[in-house]
Amino acid sequence: MVIEWLEFRVDPAVRSQFLHHDRQIWTTALSTCPGYHSKEVWQDHTDPRRIVMVIRWQSRDQWKAIDPLWLETLETQFRAAVGEHYTLETVREFSL
């Protein structure tokens, strides 16, 4: 099991839109990938701009085998839906 840890800074005015489109675009697409296990989205209630995503993969090889061009296409769709109101601040990887 491998954890992909993503921390975002999101404008609170678009937080619900960000979360909606994340489910519709990212979660839907990633769930079709070999090795995808699950995803959790955590909102920091002491800082409404901070959102943490924890994505579980069965193996690092399966996670890293995802086509980067496909990921870029998804990011383009997501950014078109949400706009420039967020930044990806932290990317981390954890394993058992």
PDB file of N, CA and C in Angstrom:
ATOM      1  N   MET A   1       0.841  -1.178   0.000  1.00  0.00           N
ATOM      2  CA  MET A   1       0.000   0.000   0.000  1.00  0.00           C
ATOM      3  C   MET A   1       0.886   1.241   0.000  1.00  0.00           C
ATOM      4  N   VAL A   2       0.522   2.221  -0.829  1.00  0.00           N
ATOM      5  CA  VAL A   2       1.226   3.496  -0.916  1.00  0.00           C
ATOM      6  C   VAL A   2       0.201   4.611  -0.770  1.00  0.00           C
ATOM      7  N   ILE A   3       0.578   5.647  -0.047  1.00  0.00           N
ATOM      8  CA  ILE A   3      -0.285   6.800   0.144  1.00  0.00           C
ATOM      9  C   ILE A   3       0.261   7.971  -0.663  1.00  0.00           C
ATOM     10  N   GLU A   4      -0.587   8.564  -1.466  1.00  0.00           N
ATOM     11  CA  GLU A   4      -0.299   9.828  -2.145  1.00  0.00           C
ATOM     12  C   GLU A   4      -0.988  10.907  -1.302  1.00  0.00           C
ATOM     13  N   TRP A   5      -0.211  11.827  -0.778  1.00  0.00           N
ATOM     14  CA  TRP A   5      -0.706  12.873   0.124  1.00  0.00           C
ATOM     15  C   TRP A   5      -0.609  14.212  -0.595  1.00  0.00           C
ATOM     16  N   LEU A   6      -1.734  14.886  -0.784  1.00  0.00           N
ATOM     17  CA  LEU A   6      -1.779  16.165  -1.482  1.00  0.00           C
ATOM     18  C   LEU A   6      -2.391  17.219  -0.561  1.00  0.00           C
ATOM     19  N   GLU A   7      -1.742  18.361  -0.442  1.00  0.00           N
ATOM     20  CA  GLU A   7      -2.287  19.474   0.330  1.00  0.00           C
ATOM     21  C   GLU A   7      -2.509  20.655  -0.605  1.00  0.00           C
ATOM     22  N   PHE A   8      -3.735  21.169  -0.568  1.00  0.00           N
ATOM     23  CA  PHE A   8      -4.133  22.285  -1.418  1.00  0.00           C
ATOM     24  C   PHE A   8      -4.455  23.510  -0.578  1.00  0.00           C
ATOM     25  N   ARG A   9      -4.241  24.660  -1.160  1.00  0.00           N
ATOM     26  CA  ARG A   9      -4.707  25.931  -0.613  1.00  0.00           C
ATOM     27  C   ARG A   9      -5.804  26.378  -1.583  1.00  0.00           C
ATOM     28  N   VAL A  10      -7.029  26.502  -1.056  1.00  0.00           N
ATOM     29  CA  VAL A  10      -8.204  26.780  -1.884  1.00  0.00           C
ATOM     30  C   VAL A  10      -8.902  28.036  -1.358  1.00  0.00           C
ATOM     31  N   ASP A  11      -9.276  28.916  -2.270  1.00  0.00           N
ATOM     32  CA  ASP A  11     -10.057  30.094  -1.897  1.00  0.00           C
ATOM     33  C   ASP A  11     -11.365  29.605  -1.267  1.00  0.00           C
ATOM     34  N   PRO A  12     -11.654  30.006  -0.027  1.00  0.00           N
ATOM     35  CA  PRO A  12     -12.875  29.526   0.630  1.00  0.00           C
ATOM     36  C   PRO A  12     -14.159  29.803  -0.153  1.00  0.00           C
ATOM     37  N   ALA A  13     -14.154  30.822  -0.987  1.00  0.00           N
ATOM     38  CA  ALA A  13     -15.344  31.143  -1.779  1.00  0.00           C
ATOM     39  C   ALA A  13     -15.668  30.068  -2.815  1.00  0.00           C
ATOM     40  N   VAL A  14     -14.678  29.261  -3.196  1.00  0.00           N
ATOM     41  CA  VAL A  14     -14.911  28.210  -4.202  1.00  0.00           C
ATOM     42  C   VAL A  14     -14.667  26.814  -3.643  1.00  0.00           C
ATOM     43  N   ARG A  15     -14.556  26.694  -2.330  1.00  0.00           N
ATOM     44  CA  ARG A  15     -14.244  25.393  -1.736  1.00  0.00           C
ATOM     45  C   ARG A  15     -15.263  24.326  -2.111  1.00  0.00           C
ATOM     46  N   SER A  16     -16.548  24.601  -2.018  1.00  0.00           N
ATOM     47  CA  SER A  16     -17.544  23.574  -2.357  1.00  0.00           C
ATOM     48  C   SER A  16     -17.481  23.218  -3.843  1.00  0.00           C
ATOM     49  N   GLN A  17     -17.211  24.195  -4.693  1.00  0.00           N
ATOM     50  CA  GLN A  17     -17.043  23.931  -6.130  1.00  0.00           C
ATOM     51  C   GLN A  17     -15.796  23.066  -6.366  1.00  0.00           C
ATOM     52  N   PHE A  18     -14.716  23.400  -5.677  1.00  0.00           N
ATOM     53  CA  PHE A  18     -13.481  22.623  -5.775  1.00  0.00           C
ATOM     54  C   PHE A  18     -13.743  21.160  -5.403  1.00  0.00           C
ATOM     55  N   LEU A  19     -14.411  20.941  -4.281  1.00  0.00           N
ATOM     56  CA  LEU A  19     -14.691  19.581  -3.815  1.00  0.00           C
ATOM     57  C   LEU A  19     -15.622  18.839  -4.771  1.00  0.00           C
ATOM     58  N   HIS A  20     -16.626  19.523  -5.278  1.00  0.00           N
ATOM     59  CA  HIS A  20     -17.563  18.901  -6.227  1.00  0.00           C
ATOM     60  C   HIS A  20     -16.828  18.437  -7.486  1.00  0.00           C
ATOM     61  N   HIS A  21     -16.059  19.330  -8.079  1.00  0.00           N
ATOM     62  CA  HIS A  21     -15.356  18.986  -9.322  1.00  0.00           C
ATOM     63  C   HIS A  21     -14.234  17.980  -9.084  1.00  0.00           C
ATOM     64  N   ASP A  22     -13.643  18.001  -7.898  1.00  0.00           N
ATOM     65  CA  ASP A  22     -12.657  16.970  -7.582  1.00  0.00           C
ATOM     66  C   ASP A  22     -13.311  15.589  -7.633  1.00  0.00           C
ATOM     67  N   ARG A  23     -14.481  15.454  -7.021  1.00  0.00           N
ATOM     68  CA  ARG A  23     -15.191  14.159  -7.070  1.00  0.00           C
ATOM     69  C   ARG A  23     -15.564  13.788  -8.497  1.00  0.00           C
ATOM     70  N   GLN A  24     -16.105  14.758  -9.229  1.00  0.00           N
ATOM     71  CA  GLN A  24     -16.593  14.492 -10.578  1.00  0.00           C
ATOM     72  C   GLN A  24     -15.476  14.177 -11.572  1.00  0.00           C
ATOM     73  N   ILE A  25     -14.380  14.884 -11.476  1.00  0.00           N
ATOM     74  CA  ILE A  25     -13.296  14.734 -12.464  1.00  0.00           C
ATOM     75  C   ILE A  25     -12.217  13.782 -11.946  1.00  0.00           C
ATOM     76  N   TRP A  26     -11.556  14.168 -10.864  1.00  0.00           N
ATOM     77  CA  TRP A  26     -10.398  13.406 -10.392  1.00  0.00           C
ATOM     78  C   TRP A  26     -10.762  12.054  -9.813  1.00  0.00           C
ATOM     79  N   THR A  27     -11.669  12.020  -8.856  1.00  0.00           N
ATOM     80  CA  THR A  27     -11.974  10.745  -8.202  1.00  0.00           C
ATOM     81  C   THR A  27     -12.568   9.755  -9.185  1.00  0.00           C
ATOM     82  N   THR A  28     -13.471  10.234 -10.042  1.00  0.00           N
ATOM     83  CA  THR A  28     -14.076   9.355 -11.045  1.00  0.00           C
ATOM     84  C   THR A  28     -13.007   8.761 -11.960  1.00  0.00           C
ATOM     85  N   ALA A  29     -12.081   9.589 -12.428  1.00  0.00           N
ATOM     86  CA  ALA A  29     -11.040   9.110 -13.347  1.00  0.00           C
ATOM     87  C   ALA A  29     -10.046   8.188 -12.645  1.00  0.00           C
ATOM     88  N   LEU A  30      -9.556   8.602 -11.483  1.00  0.00           N
ATOM     89  CA  LEU A  30      -8.555   7.786 -10.797  1.00  0.00           C
ATOM     90  C   LEU A  30      -9.107   6.421 -10.385  1.00  0.00           C
ATOM     91  N   SER A  31     -10.392   6.370 -10.076  1.00  0.00           N
ATOM     92  CA  SER A  31     -10.978   5.100  -9.642  1.00  0.00           C
ATOM     93  C   SER A  31     -10.981   4.052 -10.751  1.00  0.00           C
ATOM     94  N   THR A  32     -10.722   4.451 -11.991  1.00  0.00           N
ATOM     95  CA  THR A  32     -10.640   3.494 -13.099  1.00  0.00           C
ATOM     96  C   THR A  32      -9.225   2.949 -13.293  1.00  0.00           C
ATOM     97  N   CYS A  33      -8.265   3.499 -12.565  1.00  0.00           N
ATOM     98  CA  CYS A  33      -6.859   3.115 -12.750  1.00  0.00           C
ATOM     99  C   CYS A  33      -6.538   1.825 -12.005  1.00  0.00           C
ATOM    100  N   PRO A  34      -5.759   0.951 -12.643  1.00  0.00           N
ATOM    101  CA  PRO A  34      -5.278  -0.233 -11.925  1.00  0.00           C
ATOM    102  C   PRO A  34      -4.487   0.203 -10.695  1.00  0.00           C
ATOM    103  N   GLY A  35      -4.756  -0.427  -9.581  1.00  0.00           N
ATOM    104  CA  GLY A  35      -4.035  -0.129  -8.362  1.00  0.00           C
ATOM    105  C   GLY A  35      -4.708   0.894  -7.465  1.00  0.00           C
ATOM    106  N   TYR A  36      -5.713   1.602  -7.978  1.00  0.00           N
ATOM    107  CA  TYR A  36      -6.423   2.566  -7.135  1.00  0.00           C
ATOM    108  C   TYR A  36      -7.161   1.809  -6.046  1.00  0.00           C
ATOM    109  N   HIS A  37      -7.039   2.290  -4.813  1.00  0.00           N
ATOM    110  CA  HIS A  37      -7.714   1.637  -3.695  1.00  0.00           C
ATOM    111  C   HIS A  37      -8.819   2.517  -3.121  1.00  0.00           C
ATOM    112  N   SER A  38      -8.491   3.756  -2.737  1.00  0.00           N
ATOM    113  CA  SER A  38      -9.494   4.642  -2.156  1.00  0.00           C
ATOM    114  C   SER A  38      -8.937   6.061  -2.061  1.00  0.00           C
ATOM    115  N   LYS A  39      -9.835   6.980  -1.702  1.00  0.00           N
ATOM    116  CA  LYS A  39      -9.439   8.381  -1.564  1.00  0.00           C
ATOM    117  C   LYS A  39     -10.255   9.005  -0.437  1.00  0.00           C
ATOM    118  N   GLU A  40      -9.582   9.807   0.372  1.00  0.00           N
ATOM    119  CA  GLU A  40     -10.235  10.579   1.426  1.00  0.00           C
ATOM    120  C   GLU A  40      -9.898  12.046   1.219  1.00  0.00           C
ATOM    121  N   VAL A  41     -10.852  12.901   1.521  1.00  0.00           N
ATOM    122  CA  VAL A  41     -10.643  14.341   1.439  1.00  0.00           C
ATOM    123  C   VAL A  41     -10.907  14.918   2.825  1.00  0.00           C
ATOM    124  N   TRP A  42      -9.914  15.627   3.355  1.00  0.00           N
ATOM    125  CA  TRP A  42      -9.983  16.188   4.702  1.00  0.00           C
ATOM    126  C   TRP A  42      -9.957  17.708   4.603  1.00  0.00           C
ATOM    127  N   GLN A  43     -10.883  18.333   5.320  1.00  0.00           N
ATOM    128  CA  GLN A  43     -10.930  19.786   5.377  1.00  0.00           C
ATOM    129  C   GLN A  43     -10.441  20.235   6.752  1.00  0.00           C
ATOM    130  N   ASP A  44      -9.562  21.196   6.765  1.00  0.00           N
ATOM    131  CA  ASP A  44      -9.015  21.723   8.006  1.00  0.00           C
ATOM    132  C   ASP A  44      -9.966  22.797   8.522  1.00  0.00           C
ATOM    133  N   HIS A  45     -10.642  22.522   9.616  1.00  0.00           N
ATOM    134  CA  HIS A  45     -11.638  23.466  10.124  1.00  0.00           C
ATOM    135  C   HIS A  45     -11.013  24.643  10.874  1.00  0.00           C
ATOM    136  N   THR A  46      -9.708  24.580  11.157  1.00  0.00           N
ATOM    137  CA  THR A  46      -9.025  25.736  11.729  1.00  0.00           C
ATOM    138  C   THR A  46      -8.477  26.645  10.641  1.00  0.00           C
ATOM    139  N   ASP A  47      -8.386  26.122   9.414  1.00  0.00           N
ATOM    140  CA  ASP A  47      -7.930  26.904   8.262  1.00  0.00           C
ATOM    141  C   ASP A  47      -8.789  26.512   7.062  1.00  0.00           C
ATOM    142  N   PRO A  48      -9.841  27.255   6.760  1.00  0.00           N
ATOM    143  CA  PRO A  48     -10.773  26.874   5.692  1.00  0.00           C
ATOM    144  C   PRO A  48     -10.165  26.879   4.288  1.00  0.00           C
ATOM    145  N   ARG A  49      -8.941  27.359   4.177  1.00  0.00           N
ATOM    146  CA  ARG A  49      -8.270  27.349   2.873  1.00  0.00           C
ATOM    147  C   ARG A  49      -7.522  26.038   2.609  1.00  0.00           C
ATOM    148  N   ARG A  50      -7.359  25.219   3.629  1.00  0.00           N
ATOM    149  CA  ARG A  50      -6.523  24.016   3.513  1.00  0.00           C
ATOM    150  C   ARG A  50      -7.381  22.765   3.325  1.00  0.00           C
ATOM    151  N   ILE A  51      -7.045  21.998   2.287  1.00  0.00           N
ATOM    152  CA  ILE A  51      -7.688  20.713   2.006  1.00  0.00           C
ATOM    153  C   ILE A  51      -6.585  19.685   1.784  1.00  0.00           C
ATOM    154  N   VAL A  52      -6.726  18.547   2.438  1.00  0.00           N
ATOM    155  CA  VAL A  52      -5.759  17.453   2.305  1.00  0.00           C
ATOM    156  C   VAL A  52      -6.456  16.272   1.651  1.00  0.00           C
ATOM    157  N   MET A  53      -5.802  15.685   0.667  1.00  0.00           N
ATOM    158  CA  MET A  53      -6.314  14.483   0.011  1.00  0.00           C
ATOM    159  C   MET A  53      -5.353  13.339   0.259  1.00  0.00           C
ATOM    160  N   VAL A  54      -5.909  12.208   0.648  1.00  0.00           N
ATOM    161  CA  VAL A  54      -5.141  10.999   0.912  1.00  0.00           C
ATOM    162  C   VAL A  54      -5.643   9.949  -0.074  1.00  0.00           C
ATOM    163  N   ILE A  55      -4.781   9.578  -1.011  1.00  0.00           N
ATOM    164  CA  ILE A  55      -5.154   8.605  -2.046  1.00  0.00           C
ATOM    165  C   ILE A  55      -4.333   7.352  -1.808  1.00  0.00           C
ATOM    166  N   ARG A  56      -5.019   6.235  -1.705  1.00  0.00           N
ATOM    167  CA  ARG A  56      -4.352   4.954  -1.454  1.00  0.00           C
ATOM    168  C   ARG A  56      -4.221   4.181  -2.763  1.00  0.00           C
ATOM    169  N   TRP A  57      -3.006   3.690  -2.979  1.00  0.00           N
ATOM    170  CA  TRP A  57      -2.692   2.866  -4.152  1.00  0.00           C
ATOM    171  C   TRP A  57      -2.192   1.509  -3.677  1.00  0.00           C
ATOM    172  N   GLN A  58      -2.506   0.475  -4.433  1.00  0.00           N
ATOM    173  CA  GLN A  58      -2.068  -0.874  -4.059  1.00  0.00           C
ATOM    174  C   GLN A  58      -0.558  -1.002  -4.153  1.00  0.00           C
ATOM    175  N   SER A  59       0.046  -0.308  -5.129  1.00  0.00           N
ATOM    176  CA  SER A  59       1.508  -0.337  -5.241  1.00  0.00           C
ATOM    177  C   SER A  59       2.001   0.962  -5.870  1.00  0.00           C
ATOM    178  N   ARG A  60       3.229   1.285  -5.574  1.00  0.00           N
ATOM    179  CA  ARG A  60       3.847   2.477  -6.157  1.00  0.00           C
ATOM    180  C   ARG A  60       3.983   2.326  -7.668  1.00  0.00           C
ATOM    181  N   ASP A  61       4.326   1.132  -8.133  1.00  0.00           N
ATOM    182  CA  ASP A  61       4.471   0.892  -9.571  1.00  0.00           C
ATOM    183  C   ASP A  61       3.163   1.170 -10.310  1.00  0.00           C
ATOM    184  N   GLN A  62       2.039   0.724  -9.752  1.00  0.00           N
ATOM    185  CA  GLN A  62       0.750   0.972 -10.407  1.00  0.00           C
ATOM    186  C   GLN A  62       0.428   2.467 -10.418  1.00  0.00           C
ATOM    187  N   TRP A  63       0.688   3.129  -9.322  1.00  0.00           N
ATOM    188  CA  TRP A  63       0.439   4.568  -9.243  1.00  0.00           C
ATOM    189  C   TRP A  63       1.282   5.321 -10.273  1.00  0.00           C
ATOM    190  N   LYS A  64       2.574   5.035 -10.302  1.00  0.00           N
ATOM    191  CA  LYS A  64       3.494   5.764 -11.176  1.00  0.00           C
ATOM    192  C   LYS A  64       3.362   5.375 -12.647  1.00  0.00           C
ATOM    193  N   ALA A  65       2.628   4.299 -12.930  1.00  0.00           N
ATOM    194  CA  ALA A  65       2.423   3.872 -14.321  1.00  0.00           C
ATOM    195  C   ALA A  65       1.336   4.679 -15.024  1.00  0.00           C
ATOM    196  N   ILE A  66       0.637   5.532 -14.301  1.00  0.00           N
ATOM    197  CA  ILE A  66      -0.426   6.330 -14.917  1.00  0.00           C
ATOM    198  C   ILE A  66       0.194   7.312 -15.906  1.00  0.00           C
ATOM    199  N   ASP A  67      -0.398   7.396 -17.068  1.00  0.00           N
ATOM    200  CA  ASP A  67       0.100   8.247 -18.152  1.00  0.00           C
ATOM    201  C   ASP A  67       0.094   9.719 -17.732  1.00  0.00           C
ATOM    202  N   PRO A  68       1.248  10.377 -17.706  1.00  0.00           N
ATOM    203  CA  PRO A  68       1.309  11.791 -17.308  1.00  0.00           C
ATOM    204  C   PRO A  68       0.486  12.704 -18.215  1.00  0.00           C
ATOM    205  N   LEU A  69       0.381  12.364 -19.493  1.00  0.00           N
ATOM    206  CA  LEU A  69      -0.423  13.186 -20.404  1.00  0.00           C
ATOM    207  C   LEU A  69      -1.903  13.113 -20.037  1.00  0.00           C
ATOM    208  N   TRP A  70      -2.352  11.942 -19.625  1.00  0.00           N
ATOM    209  CA  TRP A  70      -3.736  11.776 -19.187  1.00  0.00           C
ATOM    210  C   TRP A  70      -3.977  12.616 -17.929  1.00  0.00           C
ATOM    211  N   LEU A  71      -3.018  12.604 -17.001  1.00  0.00           N
ATOM    212  CA  LEU A  71      -3.132  13.414 -15.787  1.00  0.00           C
ATOM    213  C   LEU A  71      -3.180  14.909 -16.120  1.00  0.00           C
ATOM    214  N   GLU A  72      -2.379  15.336 -17.090  1.00  0.00           N
ATOM    215  CA  GLU A  72      -2.406  16.738 -17.527  1.00  0.00           C
ATOM    216  C   GLU A  72      -3.762  17.105 -18.106  1.00  0.00           C
ATOM    217  N   THR A  73      -4.360  16.191 -18.872  1.00  0.00           N
ATOM    218  CA  THR A  73      -5.687  16.425 -19.437  1.00  0.00           C
ATOM    219  C   THR A  73      -6.721  16.595 -18.333  1.00  0.00           C
ATOM    220  N   LEU A  74      -6.644  15.743 -17.311  1.00  0.00           N
ATOM    221  CA  LEU A  74      -7.567  15.857 -16.186  1.00  0.00           C
ATOM    222  C   LEU A  74      -7.372  17.183 -15.450  1.00  0.00           C
ATOM    223  N   GLU A  75      -6.130  17.579 -15.246  1.00  0.00           N
ATOM    224  CA  GLU A  75      -5.857  18.846 -14.572  1.00  0.00           C
ATOM    225  C   GLU A  75      -6.394  20.022 -15.381  1.00  0.00           C
ATOM    226  N   THR A  76      -6.271  19.964 -16.694  1.00  0.00           N
ATOM    227  CA  THR A  76      -6.808  21.019 -17.561  1.00  0.00           C
ATOM    228  C   THR A  76      -8.324  21.102 -17.417  1.00  0.00           C
ATOM    229  N   GLN A  77      -9.003  19.958 -17.405  1.00  0.00           N
ATOM    230  CA  GLN A  77     -10.457  19.933 -17.217  1.00  0.00           C
ATOM    231  C   GLN A  77     -10.826  20.505 -15.851  1.00  0.00           C
ATOM    232  N   PHE A  78     -10.091  20.093 -14.840  1.00  0.00           N
ATOM    233  CA  PHE A  78     -10.375  20.549 -13.490  1.00  0.00           C
ATOM    234  C   PHE A  78     -10.175  22.059 -13.364  1.00  0.00           C
ATOM    235  N   ARG A  79      -9.076  22.553 -13.891  1.00  0.00           N
ATOM    236  CA  ARG A  79      -8.782  23.983 -13.812  1.00  0.00           C
ATOM    237  C   ARG A  79      -9.815  24.789 -14.598  1.00  0.00           C
ATOM    238  N   ALA A  80     -10.304  24.247 -15.710  1.00  0.00           N
ATOM    239  CA  ALA A  80     -11.349  24.931 -16.471  1.00  0.00           C
ATOM    240  C   ALA A  80     -12.641  25.023 -15.660  1.00  0.00           C
ATOM    241  N   ALA A  81     -12.906  24.020 -14.857  1.00  0.00           N
ATOM    242  CA  ALA A  81     -14.126  23.997 -14.043  1.00  0.00           C
ATOM    243  C   ALA A  81     -14.012  24.872 -12.802  1.00  0.00           C
ATOM    244  N   VAL A  82     -12.822  24.909 -12.186  1.00  0.00           N
ATOM    245  CA  VAL A  82     -12.653  25.585 -10.896  1.00  0.00           C
ATOM    246  C   VAL A  82     -11.989  26.953 -11.038  1.00  0.00           C
ATOM    247  N   GLY A  83     -11.170  27.115 -12.042  1.00  0.00           N
ATOM    248  CA  GLY A  83     -10.440  28.363 -12.210  1.00  0.00           C
ATOM    249  C   GLY A  83      -9.106  28.331 -11.490  1.00  0.00           C
ATOM    250  N   GLU A  84      -8.540  29.494 -11.308  1.00  0.00           N
ATOM    251  CA  GLU A  84      -7.205  29.634 -10.712  1.00  0.00           C
ATOM    252  C   GLU A  84      -7.282  29.886  -9.210  1.00  0.00           C
ATOM    253  N   HIS A  85      -8.284  29.378  -8.547  1.00  0.00           N
ATOM    254  CA  HIS A  85      -8.544  29.698  -7.148  1.00  0.00           C
ATOM    255  C   HIS A  85      -7.928  28.693  -6.164  1.00  0.00           C
ATOM    256  N   TYR A  86      -6.950  27.936  -6.610  1.00  0.00           N
ATOM    257  CA  TYR A  86      -6.316  26.954  -5.737  1.00  0.00           C
ATOM    258  C   TYR A  86      -4.869  26.746  -6.152  1.00  0.00           C
ATOM    259  N   THR A  87      -4.079  26.253  -5.201  1.00  0.00           N
ATOM    260  CA  THR A  87      -2.706  25.852  -5.498  1.00  0.00           C
ATOM    261  C   THR A  87      -2.429  24.528  -4.795  1.00  0.00           C
ATOM    262  N   LEU A  88      -1.666  23.703  -5.451  1.00  0.00           N
ATOM    263  CA  LEU A  88      -1.182  22.466  -4.847  1.00  0.00           C
ATOM    264  C   LEU A  88       0.102  22.827  -4.113  1.00  0.00           C
ATOM    265  N   GLU A  89       0.081  22.696  -2.791  1.00  0.00           N
ATOM    266  CA  GLU A  89       1.219  23.148  -1.992  1.00  0.00           C
ATOM    267  C   GLU A  89       2.155  22.043  -1.560  1.00  0.00           C
ATOM    268  N   THR A  90       1.622  20.839  -1.332  1.00  0.00           N
ATOM    269  CA  THR A  90       2.461  19.748  -0.836  1.00  0.00           C
ATOM    270  C   THR A  90       2.082  18.458  -1.524  1.00  0.00           C
ATOM    271  N   VAL A  91       3.090  17.719  -1.957  1.00  0.00           N
ATOM    272  CA  VAL A  91       2.908  16.369  -2.483  1.00  0.00           C
ATOM    273  C   VAL A  91       3.867  15.476  -1.705  1.00  0.00           C
ATOM    274  N   ARG A  92       3.307  14.440  -1.084  1.00  0.00           N
ATOM    275  CA  ARG A  92       4.142  13.521  -0.311  1.00  0.00           C
ATOM    276  C   ARG A  92       3.737  12.096  -0.632  1.00  0.00           C
ATOM    277  N   GLU A  93       4.613  11.197  -0.285  1.00  0.00           N
ATOM    278  CA  GLU A  93       4.386   9.774  -0.528  1.00  0.00           C
ATOM    279  C   GLU A  93       4.747   9.000   0.747  1.00  0.00           C
ATOM    280  N   PHE A  94       3.865   8.114   1.123  1.00  0.00           N
ATOM    281  CA  PHE A  94       4.095   7.270   2.303  1.00  0.00           C
ATOM    282  C   PHE A  94       3.875   5.819   1.916  1.00  0.00           C
ATOM    283  N   SER A  95       4.589   4.922   2.534  1.00  0.00           N
ATOM    284  CA  SER A  95       4.378   3.495   2.278  1.00  0.00           C
ATOM    285  C   SER A  95       4.463   2.717   3.578  1.00  0.00           C
ATOM    286  N   LEU A  96       3.883   1.541   3.548  1.00  0.00           N
ATOM    287  CA  LEU A  96       3.924   0.664   4.718  1.00  0.00           C
ATOM    288  C   LEU A  96       5.250  -0.061   4.776  1.00  0.00           C
TER     289      LEU A  96
END
